[in-house]
Protein backbone atom coordinates (compact mmCIF):
# COMPACT_ATOMS: atom_id res chain seq x y z
CA UNK A 1 -147.55 26.68 -96.07
CA UNK A 2 -146.04 24.20 -93.79
CA UNK A 3 -145.08 20.66 -94.86
CA UNK A 4 -146.62 18.39 -92.28
CA UNK A 5 -144.92 15.31 -93.79
CA UNK A 6 -141.49 16.60 -92.80
CA UNK A 7 -142.47 16.45 -89.22
CA UNK A 8 -141.08 20.00 -88.63
CA UNK A 9 -143.46 21.91 -86.41
CA UNK A 10 -141.63 25.16 -86.54
CA UNK A 11 -140.04 24.60 -83.11
CA UNK A 12 -137.67 22.12 -84.33
CA UNK A 13 -140.05 19.42 -83.56
CA UNK A 14 -141.38 16.68 -85.81
CA UNK A 15 -144.44 14.50 -85.95
CA UNK A 16 -145.03 11.44 -83.88
CA UNK A 17 -142.48 9.58 -85.81
CA UNK A 18 -140.40 12.43 -85.48
CA UNK A 19 -141.03 12.57 -81.80
CA UNK A 20 -139.74 9.09 -81.59
CA UNK A 21 -136.75 10.07 -83.84
CA UNK A 22 -136.22 12.97 -81.56
CA UNK A 23 -136.15 10.67 -78.42
CA UNK A 24 -133.87 8.46 -80.30
CA UNK A 25 -131.86 11.32 -81.26
CA UNK A 26 -131.76 12.67 -77.70
CA UNK A 27 -130.82 9.17 -76.42
CA UNK A 28 -128.05 9.10 -79.12
CA UNK A 29 -127.13 12.57 -78.25
CA UNK A 30 -126.72 11.56 -74.64
CA UNK A 31 -124.05 8.95 -75.24
CA UNK A 32 -121.54 11.44 -76.76
CA UNK A 33 -122.27 13.69 -73.75
CA UNK A 34 -121.28 10.96 -71.32
CA UNK A 35 -118.14 10.26 -73.38
CA UNK A 36 -117.34 13.94 -73.09
CA UNK A 37 -117.75 13.85 -69.42
CA UNK A 38 -115.49 10.78 -69.01
CA UNK A 39 -112.84 12.37 -71.22
CA UNK A 40 -112.89 15.41 -68.95
CA UNK A 41 -112.46 13.31 -65.88
CA UNK A 42 -109.50 11.55 -67.43
CA UNK A 43 -108.00 14.89 -68.40
CA UNK A 44 -108.54 16.25 -64.73
CA UNK A 45 -106.85 12.96 -63.37
CA UNK A 46 -103.92 13.43 -65.84
CA UNK A 47 -103.25 16.95 -64.72
CA UNK A 48 -103.46 15.78 -60.99
CA UNK A 49 -100.81 13.10 -61.50
CA UNK A 50 -98.53 15.15 -63.72
CA UNK A 51 -99.08 13.09 -66.83
CA UNK A 52 -99.26 14.61 -70.30
CA UNK A 53 -102.94 16.12 -70.75
CA UNK A 54 -105.02 14.58 -73.39
CA UNK A 55 -107.21 16.43 -75.81
CA UNK A 56 -110.03 18.49 -74.36
CA UNK A 57 -112.71 16.89 -76.45
CA UNK A 58 -113.18 13.22 -77.05
CA UNK A 59 -113.76 11.44 -80.16
CA UNK A 60 -115.86 8.29 -80.77
CA UNK A 61 -112.67 6.26 -81.73
CA UNK A 62 -110.73 7.34 -78.52
CA UNK A 63 -109.65 4.49 -76.14
CA UNK A 64 -111.80 3.91 -73.09
CA UNK A 65 -110.84 5.94 -70.27
CA UNK A 66 -108.76 4.41 -67.32
CA UNK A 67 -110.12 4.66 -63.93
CA UNK A 68 -108.31 7.16 -61.73
CA UNK A 69 -107.73 4.59 -58.99
CA UNK A 70 -105.96 2.22 -61.45
CA UNK A 71 -103.82 5.03 -62.80
CA UNK A 72 -102.78 6.24 -59.22
CA UNK A 73 -102.03 2.80 -57.78
CA UNK A 74 -98.43 1.76 -58.33
CA UNK A 75 -97.66 -1.52 -60.04
CA UNK A 76 -96.43 -4.22 -57.74
CA UNK A 77 -93.88 -5.50 -60.20
CA UNK A 78 -92.60 -2.07 -61.29
CA UNK A 79 -88.67 -1.85 -60.82
CA UNK A 80 -86.26 1.04 -61.02
CA UNK A 81 -85.15 2.24 -64.53
CA UNK A 82 -82.07 0.64 -65.84
CA UNK A 83 -79.19 2.91 -66.24
CA UNK A 84 -75.61 2.37 -67.50
CA UNK A 85 -74.08 2.05 -63.98
CA UNK A 86 -77.03 0.34 -62.17
CA UNK A 87 -78.55 -2.91 -63.00
CA UNK A 88 -81.98 -4.12 -61.56
CA UNK A 89 -81.34 -6.08 -58.49
CA UNK A 90 -83.35 -7.35 -55.50
CA UNK A 91 -83.30 -5.50 -52.21
CA UNK A 92 -79.84 -5.51 -50.71
CA UNK A 93 -79.34 -7.74 -47.68
CA UNK A 94 -79.58 -6.05 -44.31
CA UNK A 95 -76.29 -4.57 -43.23
CA UNK A 96 -74.28 -6.39 -40.65
CA UNK A 97 -74.04 -4.95 -37.17
CA UNK A 98 -70.40 -3.81 -37.85
CA UNK A 99 -71.26 -2.08 -41.20
CA UNK A 100 -71.48 1.31 -39.54
CA UNK A 101 -68.21 0.95 -37.77
CA UNK A 102 -64.70 0.87 -39.17
CA UNK A 103 -63.98 -1.91 -41.72
CA UNK A 104 -62.86 -5.16 -40.13
CA UNK A 105 -59.29 -5.99 -40.14
CA UNK A 106 -58.24 -8.20 -43.06
CA UNK A 107 -57.57 -11.74 -42.17
CA UNK A 108 -53.80 -12.51 -41.90
CA UNK A 109 -52.39 -14.03 -45.10
CA UNK A 110 -51.03 -17.51 -44.27
CA UNK A 111 -48.03 -16.85 -46.38
CA UNK A 112 -47.13 -13.62 -44.53
CA UNK A 113 -48.28 -14.59 -41.06
CA UNK A 114 -45.61 -13.82 -38.35
CA UNK A 115 -43.60 -17.00 -37.70
CA UNK A 116 -43.27 -18.46 -34.28
CA UNK A 117 -40.28 -17.14 -32.41
CA UNK A 118 -37.30 -19.38 -33.12
CA UNK A 119 -35.09 -20.82 -30.27
CA UNK A 120 -32.23 -18.53 -29.25
CA UNK A 121 -29.37 -18.74 -31.68
CA UNK A 122 -26.87 -17.25 -29.19
CA UNK A 123 -23.56 -19.14 -29.45
CA UNK A 124 -22.73 -21.65 -26.70
CA UNK A 125 -20.08 -20.67 -24.16
CA UNK A 126 -16.50 -21.10 -25.38
CA UNK A 127 -14.90 -24.32 -24.30
CA UNK A 128 -11.63 -23.84 -22.40
CA UNK A 129 -10.66 -27.43 -21.66
CA UNK A 130 -11.92 -30.83 -22.75
CA UNK A 131 -11.02 -34.40 -22.92
CA UNK A 132 -7.48 -34.64 -24.25
CA UNK A 133 -6.27 -31.31 -23.03
CA UNK A 134 -3.13 -31.04 -21.09
CA UNK A 135 -1.84 -28.00 -19.37
CA UNK A 136 -1.31 -26.27 -16.00
CA UNK A 137 -4.85 -24.93 -16.23
CA UNK A 138 -6.05 -28.49 -16.30
CA UNK A 139 -3.86 -29.22 -13.24
CA UNK A 140 -5.59 -26.16 -11.58
CA UNK A 141 -9.08 -27.42 -12.58
CA UNK A 142 -8.29 -30.76 -10.97
CA UNK A 143 -7.08 -29.13 -7.77
CA UNK A 144 -9.98 -26.88 -7.38
CA UNK A 145 -12.47 -29.77 -8.14
CA UNK A 146 -10.68 -31.70 -5.40
CA UNK A 147 -11.25 -28.89 -2.82
CA UNK A 148 -15.00 -29.23 -3.11
CA UNK A 149 -15.10 -33.05 -3.23
CA UNK A 150 -15.55 -33.64 -6.98
CA UNK A 151 -11.96 -35.01 -7.82
CA UNK A 152 -10.64 -37.83 -5.74
CA UNK A 153 -7.07 -37.88 -6.68
CA UNK A 154 -3.93 -35.59 -7.01
CA UNK A 155 -3.80 -33.38 -10.17
CA UNK A 156 -2.06 -34.65 -13.08
CA UNK A 157 -2.46 -31.98 -15.66
CA UNK A 158 -4.23 -34.22 -18.10
CA UNK A 159 -7.88 -33.96 -18.96
CA UNK A 160 -9.05 -37.63 -19.10
CA UNK A 161 -12.26 -39.55 -18.43
CA UNK A 162 -11.83 -39.10 -14.57
CA UNK A 163 -11.69 -35.40 -15.02
CA UNK A 164 -14.50 -35.24 -17.44
CA UNK A 165 -16.63 -37.27 -14.87
CA UNK A 166 -15.72 -34.79 -12.16
CA UNK A 167 -16.75 -31.88 -14.34
CA UNK A 168 -19.99 -33.49 -15.12
CA UNK A 169 -20.72 -34.04 -11.44
CA UNK A 170 -19.96 -30.40 -10.66
CA UNK A 171 -22.16 -29.19 -13.60
CA UNK A 172 -25.01 -31.31 -12.53
CA UNK A 173 -24.99 -30.05 -9.04
CA UNK A 174 -24.97 -26.44 -10.11
CA UNK A 175 -27.73 -26.90 -12.75
CA UNK A 176 -25.36 -26.20 -15.67
CA UNK A 177 -25.52 -27.93 -18.89
CA UNK A 178 -23.84 -31.42 -18.23
CA UNK A 179 -21.28 -31.71 -20.92
CA UNK A 180 -18.03 -32.95 -19.20
CA UNK A 181 -16.23 -30.13 -20.91
CA UNK A 182 -15.10 -27.11 -19.10
CA UNK A 183 -16.52 -24.01 -20.70
CA UNK A 184 -16.30 -20.26 -19.59
CA UNK A 185 -19.50 -20.56 -17.53
CA UNK A 186 -18.40 -23.65 -15.65
CA UNK A 187 -14.85 -22.25 -15.10
CA UNK A 188 -16.13 -19.00 -13.63
CA UNK A 189 -18.56 -20.84 -11.40
CA UNK A 190 -15.72 -23.00 -10.12
CA UNK A 191 -13.32 -20.04 -9.57
CA UNK A 192 -16.07 -18.28 -7.52
CA UNK A 193 -16.44 -21.25 -5.25
CA UNK A 194 -12.77 -22.22 -4.64
CA UNK A 195 -9.61 -20.60 -3.59
CA UNK A 196 -6.31 -20.47 -5.56
CA UNK A 197 -4.57 -23.91 -5.11
CA UNK A 198 -1.22 -24.07 -3.27
CA UNK A 199 1.77 -25.46 -4.95
CA UNK A 200 1.73 -28.66 -2.88
CA UNK A 201 -1.89 -29.11 -4.11
CA UNK A 202 -1.00 -28.62 -7.67
CA UNK A 203 2.05 -30.86 -7.79
CA UNK A 204 2.08 -33.38 -4.90
CA UNK A 205 4.65 -36.03 -5.17
CA UNK A 206 2.13 -38.86 -5.81
CA UNK A 207 -1.52 -39.47 -5.58
CA UNK A 208 -0.71 -42.19 -3.01
CA UNK A 209 1.63 -42.07 -0.19
CA UNK A 210 5.17 -43.43 -1.04
CA UNK A 211 5.89 -46.78 0.41
CA UNK A 212 9.05 -47.28 2.58
CA UNK A 213 11.80 -47.69 0.08
CA UNK A 214 13.18 -51.25 -0.37
CA UNK A 215 16.79 -51.53 1.00
CA UNK A 216 18.05 -52.12 -2.53
CA UNK A 217 16.92 -48.61 -3.41
CA UNK A 218 19.13 -46.94 -0.79
CA UNK A 219 22.30 -46.68 -2.67
CA UNK A 220 23.24 -45.12 -6.07
CA UNK A 221 20.83 -44.01 -8.82
CA UNK A 222 17.55 -46.15 -8.57
CA UNK A 223 14.12 -46.24 -10.03
CA UNK A 224 12.37 -47.53 -6.89
CA UNK A 225 8.94 -48.99 -7.94
CA UNK A 226 6.49 -50.36 -5.40
CA UNK A 227 3.60 -52.54 -6.52
CA UNK A 228 2.03 -52.22 -3.12
CA UNK A 229 1.76 -48.39 -3.11
CA UNK A 230 1.67 -48.10 -6.94
CA UNK A 231 4.37 -45.53 -7.00
CA UNK A 232 7.69 -44.83 -8.54
CA UNK A 233 10.35 -42.84 -6.63
CA UNK A 234 13.40 -41.66 -8.48
CA UNK A 235 16.07 -41.85 -5.81
CA UNK A 236 19.80 -40.83 -5.67
CA UNK A 237 21.73 -42.19 -2.67
CA UNK A 238 18.65 -42.75 -0.59
CA UNK A 239 17.05 -39.36 -1.32
CA UNK A 240 13.79 -39.00 -3.21
CA UNK A 241 14.28 -36.60 -6.16
CA UNK A 242 10.80 -37.01 -7.68
CA UNK A 243 7.82 -39.32 -7.41
CA UNK A 244 4.90 -40.28 -9.56
CA UNK A 245 1.84 -42.63 -9.76
CA UNK A 246 2.28 -45.82 -11.84
CA UNK A 247 0.17 -48.91 -12.83
CA UNK A 248 1.36 -52.30 -13.91
CA UNK A 249 0.50 -55.33 -16.21
CA UNK A 250 -2.55 -57.39 -15.77
CA UNK A 251 -2.56 -60.99 -14.29
CA UNK A 252 -2.04 -62.25 -17.80
CA UNK A 253 0.79 -59.90 -18.69
CA UNK A 254 2.37 -59.24 -15.20
CA UNK A 255 5.26 -56.71 -14.68
CA UNK A 256 8.36 -58.65 -13.61
CA UNK A 257 9.72 -58.07 -10.06
CA UNK A 258 13.39 -57.89 -9.28
CA UNK A 259 16.46 -55.80 -9.84
CA UNK A 260 17.12 -54.63 -13.32
CA UNK A 261 19.05 -51.99 -15.29
CA UNK A 262 17.98 -49.45 -17.90
CA UNK A 263 19.45 -50.79 -21.02
CA UNK A 264 17.75 -48.62 -23.68
CA UNK A 265 16.07 -45.11 -23.89
CA UNK A 266 13.55 -44.29 -26.62
CA UNK A 267 11.86 -40.93 -26.51
CA UNK A 268 9.08 -41.35 -29.22
CA UNK A 269 8.86 -44.99 -29.03
CA UNK A 270 5.91 -47.14 -30.55
CA UNK A 271 5.29 -50.73 -29.48
CA UNK A 272 5.84 -53.12 -32.45
CA UNK A 273 3.78 -55.78 -30.71
CA UNK A 274 0.64 -53.69 -29.87
CA UNK A 275 1.13 -50.64 -32.16
CA UNK A 276 0.86 -48.44 -29.01
CA UNK A 277 2.67 -45.20 -28.38
CA UNK A 278 5.20 -45.51 -25.51
CA UNK A 279 6.68 -41.93 -25.17
CA UNK A 280 9.85 -41.49 -22.89
CA UNK A 281 10.39 -45.33 -22.68
CA UNK A 282 13.04 -46.61 -20.34
CA UNK A 283 13.47 -50.31 -21.16
CA UNK A 284 14.77 -52.41 -18.21
CA UNK A 285 13.45 -56.10 -18.95
CA UNK A 286 13.01 -57.39 -22.51
CA UNK A 287 10.01 -55.37 -23.95
CA UNK A 288 9.00 -54.04 -20.42
CA UNK A 289 9.73 -50.30 -19.90
CA UNK A 290 8.83 -47.34 -17.82
CA UNK A 291 6.99 -44.89 -20.01
CA UNK A 292 4.13 -42.40 -20.28
CA UNK A 293 0.61 -43.71 -20.90
CA UNK A 294 -2.21 -41.59 -22.27
CA UNK A 295 -4.64 -44.33 -21.45
CA UNK A 296 -3.53 -44.30 -17.84
CA UNK A 297 -3.88 -40.55 -17.78
CA UNK A 298 -7.43 -40.79 -19.08
CA UNK A 299 -8.77 -43.84 -17.43
CA UNK A 300 -6.73 -44.33 -14.26
CA UNK A 301 -6.53 -47.73 -12.74
CA UNK A 302 -9.53 -49.00 -14.61
CA UNK A 303 -7.05 -50.50 -17.09
CA UNK A 304 -3.69 -52.16 -17.12
CA UNK A 305 -0.57 -52.37 -19.18
CA UNK A 306 0.97 -55.37 -21.13
CA UNK A 307 3.63 -55.52 -18.55
CA UNK A 308 5.24 -52.14 -18.68
CA UNK A 309 5.25 -49.55 -15.84
CA UNK A 310 2.83 -46.96 -16.82
CA UNK A 311 3.20 -43.28 -15.73
CA UNK A 312 0.24 -40.75 -16.15
CA UNK A 313 2.09 -37.51 -15.46
CA UNK A 314 3.66 -36.62 -18.68
CA UNK A 315 5.83 -33.71 -17.56
CA UNK A 316 7.28 -35.83 -14.78
CA UNK A 317 8.22 -38.79 -16.74
CA UNK A 318 9.63 -36.37 -19.41
CA UNK A 319 11.84 -34.94 -16.73
CA UNK A 320 12.74 -38.42 -15.47
CA UNK A 321 13.62 -39.59 -18.99
CA UNK A 322 16.14 -36.62 -19.24
CA UNK A 323 17.74 -37.43 -15.88
CA UNK A 324 18.01 -41.33 -16.03
CA UNK A 325 21.10 -42.76 -17.73
CA UNK A 326 21.66 -46.05 -19.33
CA UNK A 327 22.84 -48.51 -16.59
CA UNK A 328 20.88 -46.97 -13.69
CA UNK A 329 19.26 -49.53 -11.43
CA UNK A 330 15.56 -50.47 -11.54
CA UNK A 331 14.02 -52.15 -8.45
CA UNK A 332 10.45 -53.57 -8.73
CA UNK A 333 9.04 -54.97 -5.55
CA UNK A 334 5.99 -55.54 -3.34
């Protein structure tokens, strides 16, 4: 006997209520079926992207499936994984044009930069003669300078201001350093331009022509001194033994004129009035004497004595000192 209240019709069906229940059940059963289909799609998408596959069957409590398009699209904010030797960073700046070439040369270190070339440290030419020198070479220098018009007097052998000026003139004309001293370069240039001086050029009797001797000078041993020609002639019996240039006192301290005698000889004399050296002094009138003058040798006729008769050729006056005797005559005239 069939129980009609149970709604079972023998085919698994039910009554009208059962039919509603069946439709409800079919509707309810349809939802799990759609879930199963969605889960299957997720599983296929996971296999296509290489992810871990999920379970083959779904469960009512499983999380909603993710659309395949969302799973496949990359996240715009995703960065590279952090490792021990690489930190997340923004995209590197574009390489400079020279990045593919050799690395640029390092900038020079200011402390090790090559210094500017220093001026030449070559020593200057050796000086052979200068102001104050006195020798036969100075005499030759003066004679050679005179040959080419730079020295306007006879050689004396003493390197004074006149000689220094002559050397400066020569150096300036030849584009040499103008020092007034005669160095090796100046000397070699002068030698190349001049000839060897003759004996008469090296030791002329005086710079100026001798004056005709006063008649008082023609007898005996006489120092014949002419203010007009500014010369001294050492004469014995009217014959000139030696001659030399001299200068006299100024208008305030004039050299006396007349006939005198040598009354005192002093080889290394120093003036007690003026504290001035008076080598080879031959005194003839009070404090006036014939003697060597370094100032006359250096400055020529630009100066004057205090009344003495100055001689600028030291060798000549030294020889004269040795020859003159006490009592020999001295004639000073115009």
